[in-house]
Amino acid sequence: MAHHKDAIKRIKQSEKANERNRTSRSRMRNQIRRVREAVAAKDAKTAQVELRVAVSVIHKTAGKGVIHRNQAARRISRLNRAVKALVLR
């Protein structure tokens, strides 16, 4: 366990940040799952609506620094591709 004041403070700050990041990441993953489920169910209308929300959530997560912006772009691209393939069928 840390003995210095600054180390103790850093641990507290890290725990708070970890909780915030976990919440943000979880929200993103849940939204991605909703898009994937709509695609799997071949429900184009729902998939498009959920995709719009997912893109927003992913951008916010990247903006907060929880995930890297390249990872955000990759996730959005893959979701877009999946939904587009469903719509064009």
N, C-alpha and C. Protein backbone atom coordinates (compact mmCIF):
# COMPACT_ATOMS: atom_id res chain seq x y z
N MET A 1 0.84 -1.19 0.00
CA MET A 1 0.00 0.00 0.00
C MET A 1 0.89 1.25 0.00
N ALA A 2 0.38 2.29 -0.64
CA ALA A 2 1.14 3.53 -0.76
C ALA A 2 1.24 4.24 0.59
N HIS A 3 2.37 4.88 0.83
CA HIS A 3 2.58 5.58 2.09
C HIS A 3 2.64 7.09 1.92
N HIS A 4 2.91 7.54 0.69
CA HIS A 4 3.01 8.98 0.45
C HIS A 4 1.64 9.55 0.15
N LYS A 5 1.45 10.79 0.58
CA LYS A 5 0.18 11.46 0.35
C LYS A 5 -0.18 11.51 -1.13
N ASP A 6 0.80 11.88 -1.94
CA ASP A 6 0.52 12.01 -3.38
C ASP A 6 0.21 10.66 -4.01
N ALA A 7 0.82 9.59 -3.52
CA ALA A 7 0.55 8.26 -4.05
C ALA A 7 -0.86 7.81 -3.66
N ILE A 8 -1.26 8.13 -2.44
CA ILE A 8 -2.61 7.78 -1.98
C ILE A 8 -3.65 8.53 -2.81
N LYS A 9 -3.39 9.82 -3.06
CA LYS A 9 -4.30 10.63 -3.86
C LYS A 9 -4.39 10.06 -5.29
N ARG A 10 -3.25 9.67 -5.84
CA ARG A 10 -3.22 9.13 -7.19
C ARG A 10 -4.05 7.86 -7.30
N ILE A 11 -3.97 7.02 -6.27
CA ILE A 11 -4.74 5.77 -6.26
C ILE A 11 -6.24 6.08 -6.26
N LYS A 12 -6.65 7.05 -5.44
CA LYS A 12 -8.06 7.45 -5.39
C LYS A 12 -8.52 7.99 -6.74
N GLN A 13 -7.68 8.83 -7.36
CA GLN A 13 -8.03 9.39 -8.66
C GLN A 13 -8.14 8.30 -9.73
N SER A 14 -7.22 7.34 -9.68
CA SER A 14 -7.22 6.25 -10.64
C SER A 14 -8.48 5.41 -10.50
N GLU A 15 -8.91 5.16 -9.27
CA GLU A 15 -10.12 4.37 -9.04
C GLU A 15 -11.36 5.08 -9.60
N LYS A 16 -11.43 6.39 -9.39
CA LYS A 16 -12.56 7.17 -9.92
C LYS A 16 -12.57 7.14 -11.44
N ALA A 17 -11.39 7.36 -12.04
CA ALA A 17 -11.29 7.36 -13.50
C ALA A 17 -11.63 5.99 -14.06
N ASN A 18 -11.16 4.96 -13.37
CA ASN A 18 -11.42 3.59 -13.80
C ASN A 18 -12.92 3.32 -13.83
N GLU A 19 -13.64 3.78 -12.83
CA GLU A 19 -15.09 3.60 -12.76
C GLU A 19 -15.78 4.35 -13.90
N ARG A 20 -15.36 5.60 -14.15
CA ARG A 20 -15.95 6.38 -15.24
C ARG A 20 -15.71 5.71 -16.58
N ASN A 21 -14.47 5.26 -16.79
CA ASN A 21 -14.12 4.60 -18.05
C ASN A 21 -14.89 3.31 -18.24
N ARG A 22 -15.06 2.54 -17.16
CA ARG A 22 -15.79 1.28 -17.23
C ARG A 22 -17.23 1.53 -17.64
N THR A 23 -17.84 2.57 -17.07
CA THR A 23 -19.22 2.91 -17.39
C THR A 23 -19.34 3.27 -18.87
N SER A 24 -18.44 4.11 -19.34
CA SER A 24 -18.46 4.57 -20.72
C SER A 24 -18.25 3.40 -21.69
N ARG A 25 -17.27 2.56 -21.39
CA ARG A 25 -16.96 1.42 -22.24
C ARG A 25 -18.12 0.43 -22.28
N SER A 26 -18.75 0.22 -21.14
CA SER A 26 -19.89 -0.69 -21.04
C SER A 26 -21.06 -0.18 -21.88
N ARG A 27 -21.31 1.12 -21.79
CA ARG A 27 -22.39 1.73 -22.56
C ARG A 27 -22.14 1.55 -24.06
N MET A 28 -20.90 1.74 -24.47
CA MET A 28 -20.52 1.57 -25.88
C MET A 28 -20.74 0.13 -26.32
N ARG A 29 -20.26 -0.82 -25.54
CA ARG A 29 -20.37 -2.23 -25.90
C ARG A 29 -21.82 -2.68 -25.99
N ASN A 30 -22.65 -2.20 -25.05
CA ASN A 30 -24.07 -2.55 -25.09
C ASN A 30 -24.74 -2.04 -26.35
N GLN A 31 -24.39 -0.82 -26.75
CA GLN A 31 -24.98 -0.25 -27.95
C GLN A 31 -24.52 -1.01 -29.20
N ILE A 32 -23.25 -1.39 -29.24
CA ILE A 32 -22.74 -2.17 -30.36
C ILE A 32 -23.47 -3.51 -30.43
N ARG A 33 -23.71 -4.11 -29.27
CA ARG A 33 -24.42 -5.38 -29.22
C ARG A 33 -25.83 -5.24 -29.80
N ARG A 34 -26.50 -4.12 -29.50
CA ARG A 34 -27.85 -3.89 -30.03
C ARG A 34 -27.84 -3.83 -31.56
N VAL A 35 -26.83 -3.18 -32.11
CA VAL A 35 -26.71 -3.10 -33.57
C VAL A 35 -26.50 -4.49 -34.14
N ARG A 36 -25.55 -5.23 -33.56
CA ARG A 36 -25.24 -6.58 -34.03
C ARG A 36 -26.46 -7.50 -33.96
N GLU A 37 -27.25 -7.38 -32.89
CA GLU A 37 -28.45 -8.21 -32.74
C GLU A 37 -29.48 -7.87 -33.81
N ALA A 38 -29.63 -6.58 -34.11
CA ALA A 38 -30.58 -6.16 -35.15
C ALA A 38 -30.13 -6.69 -36.51
N VAL A 39 -28.83 -6.67 -36.77
CA VAL A 39 -28.30 -7.19 -38.02
C VAL A 39 -28.52 -8.70 -38.10
N ALA A 40 -28.29 -9.39 -36.99
CA ALA A 40 -28.47 -10.85 -36.96
C ALA A 40 -29.94 -11.22 -37.17
N ALA A 41 -30.84 -10.37 -36.68
CA ALA A 41 -32.28 -10.61 -36.84
C ALA A 41 -32.78 -10.13 -38.20
N LYS A 42 -31.87 -9.57 -39.01
CA LYS A 42 -32.19 -9.04 -40.33
C LYS A 42 -33.28 -7.96 -40.28
N ASP A 43 -33.20 -7.14 -39.26
CA ASP A 43 -34.14 -6.02 -39.08
C ASP A 43 -33.43 -4.73 -39.48
N ALA A 44 -33.57 -4.36 -40.75
CA ALA A 44 -32.82 -3.23 -41.30
C ALA A 44 -33.19 -1.90 -40.65
N LYS A 45 -34.47 -1.70 -40.42
CA LYS A 45 -34.93 -0.42 -39.86
C LYS A 45 -34.34 -0.20 -38.46
N THR A 46 -34.45 -1.20 -37.61
CA THR A 46 -33.90 -1.11 -36.25
C THR A 46 -32.39 -0.98 -36.28
N ALA A 47 -31.75 -1.72 -37.17
CA ALA A 47 -30.28 -1.68 -37.27
C ALA A 47 -29.81 -0.27 -37.61
N GLN A 48 -30.50 0.40 -38.52
CA GLN A 48 -30.11 1.76 -38.91
C GLN A 48 -30.27 2.74 -37.75
N VAL A 49 -31.37 2.60 -37.01
CA VAL A 49 -31.61 3.48 -35.86
C VAL A 49 -30.55 3.25 -34.79
N GLU A 50 -30.30 1.98 -34.48
CA GLU A 50 -29.32 1.64 -33.46
C GLU A 50 -27.91 2.04 -33.89
N LEU A 51 -27.62 1.95 -35.19
CA LEU A 51 -26.32 2.35 -35.69
C LEU A 51 -26.08 3.83 -35.45
N ARG A 52 -27.09 4.65 -35.70
CA ARG A 52 -26.95 6.10 -35.50
C ARG A 52 -26.60 6.40 -34.05
N VAL A 53 -27.27 5.71 -33.12
CA VAL A 53 -27.00 5.91 -31.69
C VAL A 53 -25.60 5.39 -31.35
N ALA A 54 -25.24 4.23 -31.91
CA ALA A 54 -23.95 3.62 -31.62
C ALA A 54 -22.79 4.51 -32.07
N VAL A 55 -22.92 5.11 -33.25
CA VAL A 55 -21.86 5.98 -33.75
C VAL A 55 -21.64 7.14 -32.79
N SER A 56 -22.74 7.71 -32.31
CA SER A 56 -22.64 8.82 -31.35
C SER A 56 -21.95 8.38 -30.06
N VAL A 57 -22.36 7.24 -29.54
CA VAL A 57 -21.78 6.73 -28.29
C VAL A 57 -20.29 6.43 -28.47
N ILE A 58 -19.93 5.84 -29.60
CA ILE A 58 -18.52 5.50 -29.86
C ILE A 58 -17.68 6.77 -29.97
N HIS A 59 -18.20 7.78 -30.67
CA HIS A 59 -17.47 9.05 -30.78
C HIS A 59 -17.27 9.69 -29.41
N LYS A 60 -18.30 9.65 -28.57
CA LYS A 60 -18.19 10.23 -27.23
C LYS A 60 -17.15 9.49 -26.41
N THR A 61 -17.15 8.16 -26.52
CA THR A 61 -16.20 7.34 -25.77
C THR A 61 -14.77 7.68 -26.20
N ALA A 62 -14.56 7.84 -27.49
CA ALA A 62 -13.23 8.18 -28.00
C ALA A 62 -12.86 9.60 -27.59
N GLY A 63 -13.82 10.50 -27.60
CA GLY A 63 -13.57 11.89 -27.22
C GLY A 63 -13.12 12.03 -25.78
N LYS A 64 -13.59 11.13 -24.93
CA LYS A 64 -13.21 11.15 -23.52
C LYS A 64 -11.87 10.46 -23.29
N GLY A 65 -11.33 9.86 -24.34
CA GLY A 65 -10.04 9.20 -24.23
C GLY A 65 -10.12 7.79 -23.66
N VAL A 66 -11.31 7.24 -23.59
CA VAL A 66 -11.46 5.88 -23.05
C VAL A 66 -10.95 4.87 -24.07
N ILE A 67 -11.23 5.12 -25.36
CA ILE A 67 -10.68 4.29 -26.42
C ILE A 67 -9.95 5.21 -27.40
N HIS A 68 -9.05 4.65 -28.17
CA HIS A 68 -8.29 5.42 -29.15
C HIS A 68 -9.19 5.78 -30.33
N ARG A 69 -8.92 6.92 -30.95
CA ARG A 69 -9.77 7.37 -32.06
C ARG A 69 -9.72 6.41 -33.24
N ASN A 70 -8.60 5.73 -33.44
CA ASN A 70 -8.51 4.75 -34.53
C ASN A 70 -9.39 3.54 -34.23
N GLN A 71 -9.43 3.15 -32.98
CA GLN A 71 -10.30 2.04 -32.59
C GLN A 71 -11.75 2.42 -32.81
N ALA A 72 -12.09 3.66 -32.48
CA ALA A 72 -13.45 4.15 -32.69
C ALA A 72 -13.80 4.11 -34.17
N ALA A 73 -12.90 4.58 -35.01
CA ALA A 73 -13.13 4.59 -36.46
C ALA A 73 -13.30 3.16 -36.98
N ARG A 74 -12.49 2.24 -36.48
CA ARG A 74 -12.58 0.85 -36.91
C ARG A 74 -13.92 0.22 -36.52
N ARG A 75 -14.34 0.48 -35.29
CA ARG A 75 -15.62 -0.07 -34.83
C ARG A 75 -16.79 0.48 -35.64
N ILE A 76 -16.77 1.79 -35.88
CA ILE A 76 -17.84 2.43 -36.64
C ILE A 76 -17.86 1.88 -38.07
N SER A 77 -16.69 1.73 -38.66
CA SER A 77 -16.59 1.23 -40.03
C SER A 77 -17.18 -0.18 -40.14
N ARG A 78 -16.85 -1.02 -39.19
CA ARG A 78 -17.34 -2.41 -39.23
C ARG A 78 -18.85 -2.47 -39.03
N LEU A 79 -19.36 -1.65 -38.13
CA LEU A 79 -20.81 -1.62 -37.92
C LEU A 79 -21.51 -1.11 -39.17
N ASN A 80 -20.96 -0.03 -39.75
CA ASN A 80 -21.52 0.55 -40.97
C ASN A 80 -21.59 -0.49 -42.08
N ARG A 81 -20.50 -1.23 -42.24
CA ARG A 81 -20.42 -2.24 -43.28
C ARG A 81 -21.46 -3.32 -43.07
N ALA A 82 -21.66 -3.75 -41.84
CA ALA A 82 -22.63 -4.79 -41.53
C ALA A 82 -24.05 -4.34 -41.82
N VAL A 83 -24.36 -3.10 -41.42
CA VAL A 83 -25.72 -2.57 -41.63
C VAL A 83 -25.96 -2.33 -43.12
N LYS A 84 -24.96 -1.80 -43.80
CA LYS A 84 -25.10 -1.53 -45.24
C LYS A 84 -25.34 -2.82 -46.02
N ALA A 85 -24.63 -3.90 -45.63
CA ALA A 85 -24.81 -5.19 -46.29
C ALA A 85 -26.23 -5.70 -46.08
N LEU A 86 -26.79 -5.43 -44.93
CA LEU A 86 -28.15 -5.86 -44.62
C LEU A 86 -29.17 -5.05 -45.43
N VAL A 87 -28.95 -3.76 -45.53
CA VAL A 87 -29.90 -2.87 -46.22
C VAL A 87 -29.88 -3.11 -47.72
N LEU A 88 -28.72 -3.40 -48.29
CA LEU A 88 -28.61 -3.58 -49.74
C LEU A 88 -29.09 -4.92 -50.24
N ARG A 89 -29.44 -5.82 -49.35
CA ARG A 89 -29.93 -7.14 -49.77
C ARG A 89 -31.30 -7.07 -50.35
